[in-house]
Amino acid sequence: LVEIPEKKDYKMMFNKVKSISWSKATEYLPLDEF
């Protein structure tokens, strides 16, 4: 549940967070599963 300021593109924001969280996933999760 997130509030996106009016001037920000929510689609771009969601995809950016997905991309970065994927790149950092190995710090938190076993990659053979995620």
PDB file of all heavy atoms in Angstrom:
ATOM      1  N   LEU A   1       0.879  -1.170   0.000  1.00  0.00           N
ATOM      2  CA  LEU A   1       0.000   0.000   0.000  1.00  0.00           C
ATOM      3  C   LEU A   1       0.907   1.206   0.000  1.00  0.00           C
ATOM      4  O   LEU A   1       1.641   1.440   0.959  1.00  0.00           O
ATOM      5  CB  LEU A   1      -0.892   0.019   1.244  1.00  0.00           C
ATOM      6  CG  LEU A   1      -1.893  -1.110   1.364  1.00  0.00           C
ATOM      7  CD1 LEU A   1      -2.670  -0.981   2.675  1.00  0.00           C
ATOM      8  CD2 LEU A   1      -2.845  -1.130   0.192  1.00  0.00           C
ATOM      9  N   VAL A   2       0.879   1.956  -1.083  1.00  0.00           N
ATOM     10  CA  VAL A   2       1.842   3.035  -1.263  1.00  0.00           C
ATOM     11  C   VAL A   2       1.159   4.255  -1.873  1.00  0.00           C
ATOM     12  O   VAL A   2       0.269   4.121  -2.715  1.00  0.00           O
ATOM     13  CB  VAL A   2       3.032   2.560  -2.132  1.00  0.00           C
ATOM     14  CG1 VAL A   2       2.580   2.119  -3.516  1.00  0.00           C
ATOM     15  CG2 VAL A   2       4.109   3.611  -2.235  1.00  0.00           C
ATOM     16  N   GLU A   3       1.582   5.403  -1.421  1.00  0.00           N
ATOM     17  CA  GLU A   3       1.082   6.660  -1.976  1.00  0.00           C
ATOM     18  C   GLU A   3       2.116   7.174  -2.976  1.00  0.00           C
ATOM     19  O   GLU A   3       3.287   7.333  -2.639  1.00  0.00           O
ATOM     20  CB  GLU A   3       0.883   7.675  -0.852  1.00  0.00           C
ATOM     21  CG  GLU A   3       0.194   8.933  -1.292  1.00  0.00           C
ATOM     22  CD  GLU A   3      -0.199   9.824  -0.116  1.00  0.00           C
ATOM     23  OE1 GLU A   3      -0.426   9.306   1.004  1.00  0.00           O
ATOM     24  OE2 GLU A   3      -0.266  11.035  -0.330  1.00  0.00           O
ATOM     25  N   ILE A   4       1.662   7.399  -4.187  1.00  0.00           N
ATOM     26  CA  ILE A   4       2.546   7.896  -5.242  1.00  0.00           C
ATOM     27  C   ILE A   4       2.189   9.364  -5.491  1.00  0.00           C
ATOM     28  O   ILE A   4       1.057   9.664  -5.849  1.00  0.00           O
ATOM     29  CB  ILE A   4       2.386   7.090  -6.557  1.00  0.00           C
ATOM     30  CG1 ILE A   4       2.555   5.589  -6.316  1.00  0.00           C
ATOM     31  CG2 ILE A   4       3.349   7.605  -7.618  1.00  0.00           C
ATOM     32  CD1 ILE A   4       3.927   5.143  -5.895  1.00  0.00           C
ATOM     33  N   PRO A   5       3.150  10.257  -5.270  1.00  0.00           N
ATOM     34  CA  PRO A   5       2.868  11.677  -5.522  1.00  0.00           C
ATOM     35  C   PRO A   5       2.394  11.906  -6.958  1.00  0.00           C
ATOM     36  O   PRO A   5       2.818  11.205  -7.889  1.00  0.00           O
ATOM     37  CB  PRO A   5       4.214  12.357  -5.273  1.00  0.00           C
ATOM     38  CG  PRO A   5       4.932  11.430  -4.350  1.00  0.00           C
ATOM     39  CD  PRO A   5       4.490  10.048  -4.766  1.00  0.00           C
ATOM     40  N   GLU A   6       1.539  12.879  -7.123  1.00  0.00           N
ATOM     41  CA  GLU A   6       0.897  13.156  -8.407  1.00  0.00           C
ATOM     42  C   GLU A   6       1.896  13.325  -9.551  1.00  0.00           C
ATOM     43  O   GLU A   6       1.654  12.904 -10.663  1.00  0.00           O
ATOM     44  CB  GLU A   6       0.046  14.416  -8.274  1.00  0.00           C
ATOM     45  CG  GLU A   6      -0.697  14.781  -9.518  1.00  0.00           C
ATOM     46  CD  GLU A   6      -1.522  16.030  -9.368  1.00  0.00           C
ATOM     47  OE1 GLU A   6      -1.402  16.725  -8.338  1.00  0.00           O
ATOM     48  OE2 GLU A   6      -2.279  16.313 -10.292  1.00  0.00           O
ATOM     49  N   LYS A   7       3.026  13.915  -9.275  1.00  0.00           N
ATOM     50  CA  LYS A   7       3.987  14.201 -10.337  1.00  0.00           C
ATOM     51  C   LYS A   7       4.824  12.993 -10.742  1.00  0.00           C
ATOM     52  O   LYS A   7       5.590  13.061 -11.685  1.00  0.00           O
ATOM     53  CB  LYS A   7       4.894  15.357  -9.915  1.00  0.00           C
ATOM     54  CG  LYS A   7       4.120  16.647  -9.793  1.00  0.00           C
ATOM     55  CD  LYS A   7       5.011  17.806  -9.481  1.00  0.00           C
ATOM     56  CE  LYS A   7       4.176  19.015  -9.579  1.00  0.00           C
ATOM     57  NZ  LYS A   7       4.126  20.047  -8.869  1.00  0.00           N
ATOM     58  N   LYS A   8       4.673  11.887 -10.029  1.00  0.00           N
ATOM     59  CA  LYS A   8       5.449  10.685 -10.354  1.00  0.00           C
ATOM     60  C   LYS A   8       4.586   9.711 -11.155  1.00  0.00           C
ATOM     61  O   LYS A   8       3.397   9.593 -10.925  1.00  0.00           O
ATOM     62  CB  LYS A   8       5.955  10.007  -9.085  1.00  0.00           C
ATOM     63  CG  LYS A   8       6.944  10.875  -8.328  1.00  0.00           C
ATOM     64  CD  LYS A   8       7.592  10.110  -7.207  1.00  0.00           C
ATOM     65  CE  LYS A   8       8.462  11.025  -6.395  1.00  0.00           C
ATOM     66  NZ  LYS A   8       9.856  10.775  -6.550  1.00  0.00           N
ATOM     67  N   ASP A   9       5.209   9.021 -12.068  1.00  0.00           N
ATOM     68  CA  ASP A   9       4.539   8.025 -12.888  1.00  0.00           C
ATOM     69  C   ASP A   9       4.490   6.712 -12.110  1.00  0.00           C
ATOM     70  O   ASP A   9       5.528   6.091 -11.871  1.00  0.00           O
ATOM     71  CB  ASP A   9       5.306   7.862 -14.196  1.00  0.00           C
ATOM     72  CG  ASP A   9       4.720   6.817 -15.130  1.00  0.00           C
ATOM     73  OD1 ASP A   9       3.912   5.974 -14.679  1.00  0.00           O
ATOM     74  OD2 ASP A   9       5.082   6.840 -16.311  1.00  0.00           O
ATOM     75  N   TYR A  10       3.297   6.298 -11.709  1.00  0.00           N
ATOM     76  CA  TYR A  10       3.185   5.113 -10.856  1.00  0.00           C
ATOM     77  C   TYR A  10       3.686   3.853 -11.562  1.00  0.00           C
ATOM     78  O   TYR A  10       4.315   3.010 -10.935  1.00  0.00           O
ATOM     79  CB  TYR A  10       1.751   4.927 -10.337  1.00  0.00           C
ATOM     80  CG  TYR A  10       0.748   4.469 -11.364  1.00  0.00           C
ATOM     81  CD1 TYR A  10       0.440   3.120 -11.499  1.00  0.00           C
ATOM     82  CD2 TYR A  10       0.095   5.377 -12.199  1.00  0.00           C
ATOM     83  CE1 TYR A  10      -0.478   2.696 -12.427  1.00  0.00           C
ATOM     84  CE2 TYR A  10      -0.820   4.955 -13.134  1.00  0.00           C
ATOM     85  CZ  TYR A  10      -1.104   3.616 -13.251  1.00  0.00           C
ATOM     86  OH  TYR A  10      -2.013   3.194 -14.178  1.00  0.00           O
ATOM     87  N   LYS A  11       3.443   3.706 -12.867  1.00  0.00           N
ATOM     88  CA  LYS A  11       3.917   2.514 -13.583  1.00  0.00           C
ATOM     89  C   LYS A  11       5.440   2.446 -13.578  1.00  0.00           C
ATOM     90  O   LYS A  11       6.021   1.389 -13.318  1.00  0.00           O
ATOM     91  CB  LYS A  11       3.413   2.517 -15.026  1.00  0.00           C
ATOM     92  CG  LYS A  11       1.940   2.287 -15.159  1.00  0.00           C
ATOM     93  CD  LYS A  11       1.541   2.346 -16.618  1.00  0.00           C
ATOM     94  CE  LYS A  11       0.042   2.262 -16.760  1.00  0.00           C
ATOM     95  NZ  LYS A  11      -0.379   2.394 -18.159  1.00  0.00           N
ATOM     96  N   MET A  12       6.059   3.583 -13.852  1.00  0.00           N
ATOM     97  CA  MET A  12       7.517   3.615 -13.851  1.00  0.00           C
ATOM     98  C   MET A  12       8.046   3.328 -12.441  1.00  0.00           C
ATOM     99  O   MET A  12       9.024   2.598 -12.276  1.00  0.00           O
ATOM    100  CB  MET A  12       8.023   4.979 -14.346  1.00  0.00           C
ATOM    101  CG  MET A  12       9.505   4.997 -14.586  1.00  0.00           C
ATOM    102  SD  MET A  12      10.114   6.422 -15.502  1.00  0.00           S
ATOM    103  CE  MET A  12       9.298   7.791 -14.760  1.00  0.00           C
ATOM    104  N   MET A  13       7.392   3.870 -11.425  1.00  0.00           N
ATOM    105  CA  MET A  13       7.800   3.651 -10.038  1.00  0.00           C
ATOM    106  C   MET A  13       7.699   2.171  -9.669  1.00  0.00           C
ATOM    107  O   MET A  13       8.622   1.591  -9.093  1.00  0.00           O
ATOM    108  CB  MET A  13       6.933   4.488  -9.095  1.00  0.00           C
ATOM    109  CG  MET A  13       7.320   4.383  -7.654  1.00  0.00           C
ATOM    110  SD  MET A  13       8.929   5.090  -7.293  1.00  0.00           S
ATOM    111  CE  MET A  13       8.635   6.787  -7.747  1.00  0.00           C
ATOM    112  N   PHE A  14       6.583   1.526 -10.007  1.00  0.00           N
ATOM    113  CA  PHE A  14       6.402   0.112  -9.682  1.00  0.00           C
ATOM    114  C   PHE A  14       7.459  -0.744 -10.377  1.00  0.00           C
ATOM    115  O   PHE A  14       8.051  -1.632  -9.765  1.00  0.00           O
ATOM    116  CB  PHE A  14       5.006  -0.375 -10.078  1.00  0.00           C
ATOM    117  CG  PHE A  14       3.875   0.277  -9.318  1.00  0.00           C
ATOM    118  CD1 PHE A  14       2.591   0.223  -9.808  1.00  0.00           C
ATOM    119  CD2 PHE A  14       4.088   0.951  -8.124  1.00  0.00           C
ATOM    120  CE1 PHE A  14       1.532   0.815  -9.123  1.00  0.00           C
ATOM    121  CE2 PHE A  14       3.040   1.559  -7.431  1.00  0.00           C
ATOM    122  CZ  PHE A  14       1.763   1.476  -7.937  1.00  0.00           C
ATOM    123  N   ASN A  15       7.702  -0.469 -11.647  1.00  0.00           N
ATOM    124  CA  ASN A  15       8.692  -1.260 -12.385  1.00  0.00           C
ATOM    125  C   ASN A  15      10.102  -1.026 -11.873  1.00  0.00           C
ATOM    126  O   ASN A  15      10.915  -1.955 -11.833  1.00  0.00           O
ATOM    127  CB  ASN A  15       8.581  -0.989 -13.887  1.00  0.00           C
ATOM    128  CG  ASN A  15       7.356  -1.660 -14.468  1.00  0.00           C
ATOM    129  OD1 ASN A  15       7.012  -2.776 -14.098  1.00  0.00           O
ATOM    130  ND2 ASN A  15       6.678  -0.976 -15.365  1.00  0.00           N
ATOM    131  N   LYS A  16      10.410   0.191 -11.449  1.00  0.00           N
ATOM    132  CA  LYS A  16      11.734   0.499 -10.888  1.00  0.00           C
ATOM    133  C   LYS A  16      11.947  -0.293  -9.596  1.00  0.00           C
ATOM    134  O   LYS A  16      12.999  -0.894  -9.378  1.00  0.00           O
ATOM    135  CB  LYS A  16      11.840   2.000 -10.635  1.00  0.00           C
ATOM    136  CG  LYS A  16      13.175   2.459 -10.169  1.00  0.00           C
ATOM    137  CD  LYS A  16      14.105   2.514 -11.326  1.00  0.00           C
ATOM    138  CE  LYS A  16      15.306   3.362 -11.005  1.00  0.00           C
ATOM    139  NZ  LYS A  16      16.300   3.261 -12.066  1.00  0.00           N
ATOM    140  N   VAL A  17      10.942  -0.294  -8.716  1.00  0.00           N
ATOM    141  CA  VAL A  17      11.045  -1.035  -7.453  1.00  0.00           C
ATOM    142  C   VAL A  17      11.172  -2.530  -7.716  1.00  0.00           C
ATOM    143  O   VAL A  17      11.978  -3.210  -7.072  1.00  0.00           O
ATOM    144  CB  VAL A  17       9.856  -0.701  -6.523  1.00  0.00           C
ATOM    145  CG1 VAL A  17       9.787  -1.661  -5.349  1.00  0.00           C
ATOM    146  CG2 VAL A  17       9.954   0.741  -6.038  1.00  0.00           C
ATOM    147  N   LYS A  18      10.428  -3.051  -8.671  1.00  0.00           N
ATOM    148  CA  LYS A  18      10.562  -4.471  -9.022  1.00  0.00           C
ATOM    149  C   LYS A  18      11.984  -4.773  -9.489  1.00  0.00           C
ATOM    150  O   LYS A  18      12.585  -5.754  -9.061  1.00  0.00           O
ATOM    151  CB  LYS A  18       9.568  -4.847 -10.122  1.00  0.00           C
ATOM    152  CG  LYS A  18       8.170  -5.085  -9.631  1.00  0.00           C
ATOM    153  CD  LYS A  18       7.211  -5.358 -10.765  1.00  0.00           C
ATOM    154  CE  LYS A  18       7.583  -6.577 -11.555  1.00  0.00           C
ATOM    155  NZ  LYS A  18       6.650  -6.861 -12.657  1.00  0.00           N
ATOM    156  N   SER A  19      12.506  -3.936 -10.346  1.00  0.00           N
ATOM    157  CA  SER A  19      13.839  -4.154 -10.900  1.00  0.00           C
ATOM    158  C   SER A  19      14.921  -4.121  -9.817  1.00  0.00           C
ATOM    159  O   SER A  19      15.773  -5.001  -9.739  1.00  0.00           O
ATOM    160  CB  SER A  19      14.120  -3.094 -11.964  1.00  0.00           C
ATOM    161  OG  SER A  19      15.432  -3.199 -12.434  1.00  0.00           O
ATOM    162  N   ILE A  20      14.875  -3.113  -8.968  1.00  0.00           N
ATOM    163  CA  ILE A  20      15.893  -2.983  -7.923  1.00  0.00           C
ATOM    164  C   ILE A  20      15.750  -4.110  -6.890  1.00  0.00           C
ATOM    165  O   ILE A  20      16.746  -4.681  -6.452  1.00  0.00           O
ATOM    166  CB  ILE A  20      15.841  -1.599  -7.255  1.00  0.00           C
ATOM    167  CG1 ILE A  20      16.202  -0.523  -8.283  1.00  0.00           C
ATOM    168  CG2 ILE A  20      16.785  -1.529  -6.061  1.00  0.00           C
ATOM    169  CD1 ILE A  20      15.947   0.894  -7.803  1.00  0.00           C
ATOM    170  N   SER A  21      14.522  -4.427  -6.510  1.00  0.00           N
ATOM    171  CA  SER A  21      14.340  -5.499  -5.516  1.00  0.00           C
ATOM    172  C   SER A  21      14.821  -6.830  -6.075  1.00  0.00           C
ATOM    173  O   SER A  21      15.389  -7.642  -5.353  1.00  0.00           O
ATOM    174  CB  SER A  21      12.887  -5.584  -5.045  1.00  0.00           C
ATOM    175  OG  SER A  21      12.014  -5.931  -6.098  1.00  0.00           O
ATOM    176  N   TRP A  22      14.631  -7.050  -7.367  1.00  0.00           N
ATOM    177  CA  TRP A  22      15.146  -8.272  -7.991  1.00  0.00           C
ATOM    178  C   TRP A  22      16.666  -8.289  -7.931  1.00  0.00           C
ATOM    179  O   TRP A  22      17.274  -9.289  -7.577  1.00  0.00           O
ATOM    180  CB  TRP A  22      14.643  -8.378  -9.420  1.00  0.00           C
ATOM    181  CG  TRP A  22      15.425  -9.288 -10.326  1.00  0.00           C
ATOM    182  CD1 TRP A  22      15.946  -8.969 -11.533  1.00  0.00           C
ATOM    183  CD2 TRP A  22      15.770 -10.655 -10.112  1.00  0.00           C
ATOM    184  NE1 TRP A  22      16.599 -10.046 -12.079  1.00  0.00           N
ATOM    185  CE2 TRP A  22      16.507 -11.101 -11.224  1.00  0.00           C
ATOM    186  CE3 TRP A  22      15.557 -11.558  -9.082  1.00  0.00           C
ATOM    187  CZ2 TRP A  22      17.013 -12.396 -11.343  1.00  0.00           C
ATOM    188  CZ3 TRP A  22      16.064 -12.854  -9.198  1.00  0.00           C
ATOM    189  CH2 TRP A  22      16.775 -13.258 -10.313  1.00  0.00           C
ATOM    190  N   SER A  23      17.298  -7.157  -8.224  1.00  0.00           N
ATOM    191  CA  SER A  23      18.767  -7.129  -8.223  1.00  0.00           C
ATOM    192  C   SER A  23      19.354  -7.287  -6.820  1.00  0.00           C
ATOM    193  O   SER A  23      20.468  -7.748  -6.669  1.00  0.00           O
ATOM    194  CB  SER A  23      19.280  -5.849  -8.885  1.00  0.00           C
ATOM    195  OG  SER A  23      19.026  -4.728  -8.078  1.00  0.00           O
ATOM    196  N   LYS A  24      18.601  -6.913  -5.793  1.00  0.00           N
ATOM    197  CA  LYS A  24      19.086  -7.026  -4.416  1.00  0.00           C
ATOM    198  C   LYS A  24      18.561  -8.276  -3.702  1.00  0.00           C
ATOM    199  O   LYS A  24      18.878  -8.504  -2.542  1.00  0.00           O
ATOM    200  CB  LYS A  24      18.691  -5.775  -3.628  1.00  0.00           C
ATOM    201  CG  LYS A  24      19.403  -4.528  -4.117  1.00  0.00           C
ATOM    202  CD  LYS A  24      19.103  -3.371  -3.188  1.00  0.00           C
ATOM    203  CE  LYS A  24      19.941  -2.183  -3.542  1.00  0.00           C
ATOM    204  NZ  LYS A  24      21.297  -2.267  -3.066  1.00  0.00           N
ATOM    205  N   ALA A  25      17.761  -9.063  -4.385  1.00  0.00           N
ATOM    206  CA  ALA A  25      17.113 -10.227  -3.757  1.00  0.00           C
ATOM    207  C   ALA A  25      18.110 -11.199  -3.146  1.00  0.00           C
ATOM    208  O   ALA A  25      17.838 -11.804  -2.107  1.00  0.00           O
ATOM    209  CB  ALA A  25      16.224 -10.942  -4.769  1.00  0.00           C
ATOM    210  N   THR A  26      19.277 -11.357  -3.772  1.00  0.00           N
ATOM    211  CA  THR A  26      20.249 -12.330  -3.267  1.00  0.00           C
ATOM    212  C   THR A  26      20.741 -11.988  -1.864  1.00  0.00           C
ATOM    213  O   THR A  26      21.215 -12.857  -1.157  1.00  0.00           O
ATOM    214  CB  THR A  26      21.465 -12.434  -4.209  1.00  0.00           C
ATOM    215  OG1 THR A  26      22.033 -11.141  -4.375  1.00  0.00           O
ATOM    216  CG2 THR A  26      21.074 -13.007  -5.547  1.00  0.00           C
ATOM    217  N   GLU A  27      20.609 -10.731  -1.463  1.00  0.00           N
ATOM    218  CA  GLU A  27      21.010 -10.344  -0.108  1.00  0.00           C
ATOM    219  C   GLU A  27      20.018 -10.839   0.942  1.00  0.00           C
ATOM    220  O   GLU A  27      20.332 -10.888   2.127  1.00  0.00           O
ATOM    221  CB  GLU A  27      21.127  -8.822  -0.009  1.00  0.00           C
ATOM    222  CG  GLU A  27      22.182  -8.226  -0.925  1.00  0.00           C
ATOM    223  CD  GLU A  27      22.146  -6.704  -0.931  1.00  0.00           C
ATOM    224  OE1 GLU A  27      21.754  -6.096   0.094  1.00  0.00           O
ATOM    225  OE2 GLU A  27      22.509  -6.112  -1.965  1.00  0.00           O
ATOM    226  N   TYR A  28      18.812 -11.211   0.499  1.00  0.00           N
ATOM    227  CA  TYR A  28      17.736 -11.558   1.426  1.00  0.00           C
ATOM    228  C   TYR A  28      17.160 -12.958   1.214  1.00  0.00           C
ATOM    229  O   TYR A  28      16.624 -13.550   2.152  1.00  0.00           O
ATOM    230  CB  TYR A  28      16.589 -10.546   1.296  1.00  0.00           C
ATOM    231  CG  TYR A  28      17.043  -9.132   1.535  1.00  0.00           C
ATOM    232  CD1 TYR A  28      17.476  -8.335   0.490  1.00  0.00           C
ATOM    233  CD2 TYR A  28      17.075  -8.605   2.820  1.00  0.00           C
ATOM    234  CE1 TYR A  28      17.917  -7.040   0.709  1.00  0.00           C
ATOM    235  CE2 TYR A  28      17.522  -7.316   3.051  1.00  0.00           C
ATOM    236  CZ  TYR A  28      17.941  -6.545   1.992  1.00  0.00           C
ATOM    237  OH  TYR A  28      18.392  -5.265   2.213  1.00  0.00           O
ATOM    238  N   LEU A  29      17.236 -13.453  -0.019  1.00  0.00           N
ATOM    239  CA  LEU A  29      16.561 -14.702  -0.365  1.00  0.00           C
ATOM    240  C   LEU A  29      17.499 -15.640  -1.121  1.00  0.00           C
ATOM    241  O   LEU A  29      18.357 -15.179  -1.868  1.00  0.00           O
ATOM    242  CB  LEU A  29      15.354 -14.409  -1.269  1.00  0.00           C
ATOM    243  CG  LEU A  29      14.317 -13.426  -0.749  1.00  0.00           C
ATOM    244  CD1 LEU A  29      13.325 -13.096  -1.844  1.00  0.00           C
ATOM    245  CD2 LEU A  29      13.607 -13.966   0.475  1.00  0.00           C
ATOM    246  N   PRO A  30      17.302 -16.952  -0.985  1.00  0.00           N
ATOM    247  CA  PRO A  30      18.079 -17.893  -1.799  1.00  0.00           C
ATOM    248  C   PRO A  30      17.641 -17.790  -3.266  1.00  0.00           C
ATOM    249  O   PRO A  30      16.460 -17.865  -3.567  1.00  0.00           O
ATOM    250  CB  PRO A  30      17.720 -19.259  -1.224  1.00  0.00           C
ATOM    251  CG  PRO A  30      16.649 -19.049  -0.227  1.00  0.00           C
ATOM    252  CD  PRO A  30      16.417 -17.589  -0.055  1.00  0.00           C
ATOM    253  N   LEU A  31      18.579 -17.565  -4.153  1.00  0.00           N
ATOM    254  CA  LEU A  31      18.248 -17.344  -5.567  1.00  0.00           C
ATOM    255  C   LEU A  31      17.682 -18.570  -6.259  1.00  0.00           C
ATOM    256  O   LEU A  31      16.998 -18.441  -7.262  1.00  0.00           O
ATOM    257  CB  LEU A  31      19.480 -16.865  -6.334  1.00  0.00           C
ATOM    258  CG  LEU A  31      19.461 -15.394  -6.694  1.00  0.00           C
ATOM    259  CD1 LEU A  31      20.636 -15.015  -7.549  1.00  0.00           C
ATOM    260  CD2 LEU A  31      18.180 -14.941  -7.324  1.00  0.00           C
ATOM    261  N   ASP A  32      17.948 -19.764  -5.728  1.00  0.00           N
ATOM    262  CA  ASP A  32      17.360 -20.938  -6.364  1.00  0.00           C
ATOM    263  C   ASP A  32      15.846 -20.967  -6.171  1.00  0.00           C
ATOM    264  O   ASP A  32      15.140 -21.649  -6.900  1.00  0.00           O
ATOM    265  CB  ASP A  32      17.999 -22.227  -5.845  1.00  0.00           C
ATOM    266  CG  ASP A  32      17.891 -22.380  -4.342  1.00  0.00           C
ATOM    267  OD1 ASP A  32      17.900 -21.361  -3.625  1.00  0.00           O
ATOM    268  OD2 ASP A  32      17.814 -23.527  -3.876  1.00  0.00           O
ATOM    269  N   GLU A  33      15.339 -20.199  -5.213  1.00  0.00           N
ATOM    270  CA  GLU A  33      13.899 -20.131  -4.993  1.00  0.00           C
ATOM    271  C   GLU A  33      13.292 -18.878  -5.618  1.00  0.00           C
ATOM    272  O   GLU A  33      12.279 -18.934  -6.289  1.00  0.00           O
ATOM    273  CB  GLU A  33      13.587 -20.209  -3.498  1.00  0.00           C
ATOM    274  CG  GLU A  33      13.945 -21.572  -2.939  1.00  0.00           C
ATOM    275  CD  GLU A  33      13.833 -21.658  -1.435  1.00  0.00           C
ATOM    276  OE1 GLU A  33      13.448 -20.679  -0.783  1.00  0.00           O
ATOM    277  OE2 GLU A  33      14.169 -22.726  -0.904  1.00  0.00           O
ATOM    278  N   PHE A  34      13.918 -17.728  -5.391  1.00  0.00           N
ATOM    279  CA  PHE A  34      13.406 -16.482  -5.968  1.00  0.00           C
ATOM    280  C   PHE A  34      14.122 -16.230  -7.286  1.00  0.00           C
ATOM    281  O   PHE A  34      15.304 -15.927  -7.319  1.00  0.00           O
ATOM    282  CB  PHE A  34      13.638 -15.299  -5.023  1.00  0.00           C
ATOM    283  CG  PHE A  34      13.050 -14.012  -5.546  1.00  0.00           C
ATOM    284  CD1 PHE A  34      11.696 -13.758  -5.403  1.00  0.00           C
ATOM    285  CD2 PHE A  34      13.833 -13.071  -6.181  1.00  0.00           C
ATOM    286  CE1 PHE A  34      11.143 -12.591  -5.888  1.00  0.00           C
ATOM    287  CE2 PHE A  34      13.293 -11.893  -6.667  1.00  0.00           C
ATOM    288  CZ  PHE A  34      11.931 -11.652  -6.520  1.00  0.00           C
TER     289      PHE A  34
END
